[in-house]
Amino acid sequence: MWRMMPFEQLDAWRSSHRLALAVYELTEAWPVSERYGLTAQVRRAALSVPANIAEGVAKRGTRELRRYLDISLGSFSELSYLLLFARDRGLPASGALESLRSQTGRQLWGLYRSISTR
């Protein structure tokens, strides 16, 4: 059984929180013409990852937590594609952001696997 703990103690949450902050910072340099399109979508996807981890931890039991982690993984995958699309469109990118994205993905999958085996 999953032992409830503050979401802030989870490495996957910490990493995804830093990733969301980095995405917001990066997208400030994107063209104003993308504000309501790609910028908004990237920001929503980035924010959804840590928000769903936090919400899932507050639910009762591992089944609900797994469901929210699954949503978080979906948002993470969406974010990964959107960042690739932005890069291919020539929008400013960041190597540090890519490293953080990769780290977050590993930690998120690790948490999901850990919960799924319980």
C-alpha atoms as a PDB file:
ATOM      1  CA  MET A   1       0.000   0.000   0.000  1.00  0.00           C
ATOM      2  CA  TRP A   2       1.258   3.458  -0.913  1.00  0.00           C
ATOM      3  CA  ARG A   3       2.131   5.521   2.130  1.00  0.00           C
ATOM      4  CA  MET A   4       0.806   9.049   1.789  1.00  0.00           C
ATOM      5  CA  MET A   5       3.568  11.628   1.837  1.00  0.00           C
ATOM      6  CA  PRO A   6       3.776  15.286   0.912  1.00  0.00           C
ATOM      7  CA  PHE A   7       4.131  15.572  -2.857  1.00  0.00           C
ATOM      8  CA  GLU A   8       7.023  18.000  -2.364  1.00  0.00           C
ATOM      9  CA  GLN A   9       9.133  15.087  -1.108  1.00  0.00           C
ATOM     10  CA  LEU A  10       8.860  13.163  -4.392  1.00  0.00           C
ATOM     11  CA  ASP A  11      11.828  13.518  -6.733  1.00  0.00           C
ATOM     12  CA  ALA A  12       9.506  13.229  -9.741  1.00  0.00           C
ATOM     13  CA  TRP A  13       7.430  16.145  -8.474  1.00  0.00           C
ATOM     14  CA  ARG A  14      10.507  18.291  -7.730  1.00  0.00           C
ATOM     15  CA  SER A  15      11.916  17.626 -11.169  1.00  0.00           C
ATOM     16  CA  SER A  16       8.633  18.288 -12.946  1.00  0.00           C
ATOM     17  CA  HIS A  17       8.158  21.495 -10.947  1.00  0.00           C
ATOM     18  CA  ARG A  18      11.606  22.727 -12.039  1.00  0.00           C
ATOM     19  CA  LEU A  19      10.747  21.714 -15.611  1.00  0.00           C
ATOM     20  CA  ALA A  20       7.506  23.727 -15.520  1.00  0.00           C
ATOM     21  CA  LEU A  21       9.370  26.769 -14.206  1.00  0.00           C
ATOM     22  CA  ALA A  22      12.017  26.377 -16.938  1.00  0.00           C
ATOM     23  CA  VAL A  23       9.322  26.060 -19.615  1.00  0.00           C
ATOM     24  CA  TYR A  24       7.684  29.276 -18.444  1.00  0.00           C
ATOM     25  CA  GLU A  25      11.040  31.052 -18.543  1.00  0.00           C
ATOM     26  CA  LEU A  26      11.917  29.691 -21.993  1.00  0.00           C
ATOM     27  CA  THR A  27       8.556  30.581 -23.520  1.00  0.00           C
ATOM     28  CA  GLU A  28       8.906  34.206 -22.435  1.00  0.00           C
ATOM     29  CA  ALA A  29      11.385  34.526 -25.322  1.00  0.00           C
ATOM     30  CA  TRP A  30       8.943  33.079 -27.876  1.00  0.00           C
ATOM     31  CA  PRO A  31       7.140  35.378 -30.316  1.00  0.00           C
ATOM     32  CA  VAL A  32       4.044  37.216 -29.109  1.00  0.00           C
ATOM     33  CA  SER A  33       2.216  35.705 -32.093  1.00  0.00           C
ATOM     34  CA  GLU A  34       2.478  32.302 -30.355  1.00  0.00           C
ATOM     35  CA  ARG A  35       1.086  33.542 -27.016  1.00  0.00           C
ATOM     36  CA  TYR A  36      -2.374  31.990 -27.449  1.00  0.00           C
ATOM     37  CA  GLY A  37      -1.209  29.036 -29.491  1.00  0.00           C
ATOM     38  CA  LEU A  38       1.935  27.080 -28.936  1.00  0.00           C
ATOM     39  CA  THR A  39       3.121  29.018 -25.873  1.00  0.00           C
ATOM     40  CA  ALA A  40      -0.151  28.468 -24.028  1.00  0.00           C
ATOM     41  CA  GLN A  41      -0.276  24.770 -24.964  1.00  0.00           C
ATOM     42  CA  VAL A  42       3.329  24.137 -23.903  1.00  0.00           C
ATOM     43  CA  ARG A  43       2.770  25.894 -20.603  1.00  0.00           C
ATOM     44  CA  ARG A  44      -0.442  23.963 -19.888  1.00  0.00           C
ATOM     45  CA  ALA A  45       1.261  20.636 -20.599  1.00  0.00           C
ATOM     46  CA  ALA A  46       4.275  21.548 -18.441  1.00  0.00           C
ATOM     47  CA  LEU A  47       2.117  22.653 -15.529  1.00  0.00           C
ATOM     48  CA  SER A  48      -0.090  19.582 -15.779  1.00  0.00           C
ATOM     49  CA  VAL A  49       2.780  17.209 -14.953  1.00  0.00           C
ATOM     50  CA  PRO A  50       3.534  18.351 -11.370  1.00  0.00           C
ATOM     51  CA  ALA A  51      -0.095  19.345 -10.738  1.00  0.00           C
ATOM     52  CA  ASN A  52      -1.323  15.807 -11.454  1.00  0.00           C
ATOM     53  CA  ILE A  53       1.391  14.285  -9.280  1.00  0.00           C
ATOM     54  CA  ALA A  54       0.318  16.562  -6.431  1.00  0.00           C
ATOM     55  CA  GLU A  55      -3.352  15.748  -6.931  1.00  0.00           C
ATOM     56  CA  GLY A  56      -2.712  12.013  -7.221  1.00  0.00           C
ATOM     57  CA  VAL A  57      -0.754  11.881  -3.971  1.00  0.00           C
ATOM     58  CA  ALA A  58      -3.737  13.434  -2.186  1.00  0.00           C
ATOM     59  CA  LYS A  59      -6.096  10.688  -3.404  1.00  0.00           C
ATOM     60  CA  ARG A  60      -6.865   7.536  -1.473  1.00  0.00           C
ATOM     61  CA  GLY A  61      -4.855   4.504  -2.455  1.00  0.00           C
ATOM     62  CA  THR A  62      -2.485   3.447  -5.168  1.00  0.00           C
ATOM     63  CA  ARG A  63      -5.165   2.911  -7.811  1.00  0.00           C
ATOM     64  CA  GLU A  64      -6.107   6.598  -7.835  1.00  0.00           C
ATOM     65  CA  LEU A  65      -2.465   7.662  -7.630  1.00  0.00           C
ATOM     66  CA  ARG A  66      -1.641   5.482 -10.649  1.00  0.00           C
ATOM     67  CA  ARG A  67      -4.493   7.117 -12.575  1.00  0.00           C
ATOM     68  CA  TYR A  68      -3.120  10.610 -11.891  1.00  0.00           C
ATOM     69  CA  LEU A  69       0.429   9.510 -12.676  1.00  0.00           C
ATOM     70  CA  ASP A  70      -0.895   8.147 -15.965  1.00  0.00           C
ATOM     71  CA  ILE A  71      -2.375  11.576 -16.738  1.00  0.00           C
ATOM     72  CA  SER A  72       0.916  13.180 -15.728  1.00  0.00           C
ATOM     73  CA  LEU A  73       2.808  10.870 -18.087  1.00  0.00           C
ATOM     74  CA  GLY A  74       0.433  11.809 -20.901  1.00  0.00           C
ATOM     75  CA  SER A  75       1.052  15.503 -20.276  1.00  0.00           C
ATOM     76  CA  PHE A  76       4.783  14.853 -20.141  1.00  0.00           C
ATOM     77  CA  SER A  77       4.644  13.123 -23.511  1.00  0.00           C
ATOM     78  CA  GLU A  78       2.605  15.997 -24.949  1.00  0.00           C
ATOM     79  CA  LEU A  79       5.144  18.491 -23.616  1.00  0.00           C
ATOM     80  CA  SER A  80       8.016  16.497 -25.116  1.00  0.00           C
ATOM     81  CA  TYR A  81       6.410  16.600 -28.548  1.00  0.00           C
ATOM     82  CA  LEU A  82       5.512  20.287 -28.315  1.00  0.00           C
ATOM     83  CA  LEU A  83       9.102  21.183 -27.407  1.00  0.00           C
ATOM     84  CA  LEU A  84      10.323  19.150 -30.391  1.00  0.00           C
ATOM     85  CA  PHE A  85       7.829  20.928 -32.636  1.00  0.00           C
ATOM     86  CA  ALA A  86       8.912  24.326 -31.300  1.00  0.00           C
ATOM     87  CA  ARG A  87      12.557  23.495 -31.891  1.00  0.00           C
ATOM     88  CA  ASP A  88      11.831  22.359 -35.451  1.00  0.00           C
ATOM     89  CA  ARG A  89       9.940  25.623 -36.039  1.00  0.00           C
ATOM     90  CA  GLY A  90      13.071  27.508 -35.018  1.00  0.00           C
ATOM     91  CA  LEU A  91      11.820  28.868 -31.718  1.00  0.00           C
ATOM     92  CA  PRO A  92      14.404  29.453 -28.991  1.00  0.00           C
ATOM     93  CA  ALA A  93      15.349  26.223 -27.209  1.00  0.00           C
ATOM     94  CA  SER A  94      17.519  25.291 -24.255  1.00  0.00           C
ATOM     95  CA  GLY A  95      19.932  22.411 -23.781  1.00  0.00           C
ATOM     96  CA  ALA A  96      19.480  22.679 -20.019  1.00  0.00           C
ATOM     97  CA  LEU A  97      15.725  22.300 -20.485  1.00  0.00           C
ATOM     98  CA  GLU A  98      16.246  19.139 -22.535  1.00  0.00           C
ATOM     99  CA  SER A  99      18.417  17.671 -19.793  1.00  0.00           C
ATOM    100  CA  LEU A 100      15.798  18.507 -17.176  1.00  0.00           C
ATOM    101  CA  ARG A 101      13.063  17.046 -19.400  1.00  0.00           C
ATOM    102  CA  SER A 102      14.989  13.808 -19.707  1.00  0.00           C
ATOM    103  CA  GLN A 103      15.619  13.604 -15.954  1.00  0.00           C
ATOM    104  CA  THR A 104      11.957  14.297 -15.216  1.00  0.00           C
ATOM    105  CA  GLY A 105      10.865  11.563 -17.605  1.00  0.00           C
ATOM    106  CA  ARG A 106      13.092   8.988 -15.929  1.00  0.00           C
ATOM    107  CA  GLN A 107      11.881   9.936 -12.466  1.00  0.00           C
ATOM    108  CA  LEU A 108       8.237  10.022 -13.479  1.00  0.00           C
ATOM    109  CA  TRP A 109       8.426   6.587 -15.102  1.00  0.00           C
ATOM    110  CA  GLY A 110      10.295   5.281 -12.067  1.00  0.00           C
ATOM    111  CA  LEU A 111       7.584   6.513  -9.723  1.00  0.00           C
ATOM    112  CA  TYR A 112       4.870   5.055 -11.949  1.00  0.00           C
ATOM    113  CA  ARG A 113       6.592   1.653 -12.048  1.00  0.00           C
ATOM    114  CA  SER A 114       7.147   1.733  -8.312  1.00  0.00           C
ATOM    115  CA  ILE A 115       3.461   2.417  -7.663  1.00  0.00           C
ATOM    116  CA  SER A 116       2.332  -0.139 -10.266  1.00  0.00           C
ATOM    117  CA  THR A 117       4.160  -2.988  -8.558  1.00  0.00           C
ATOM    118  CA  ARG A 118       2.358  -2.416  -5.257  1.00  0.00           C
END
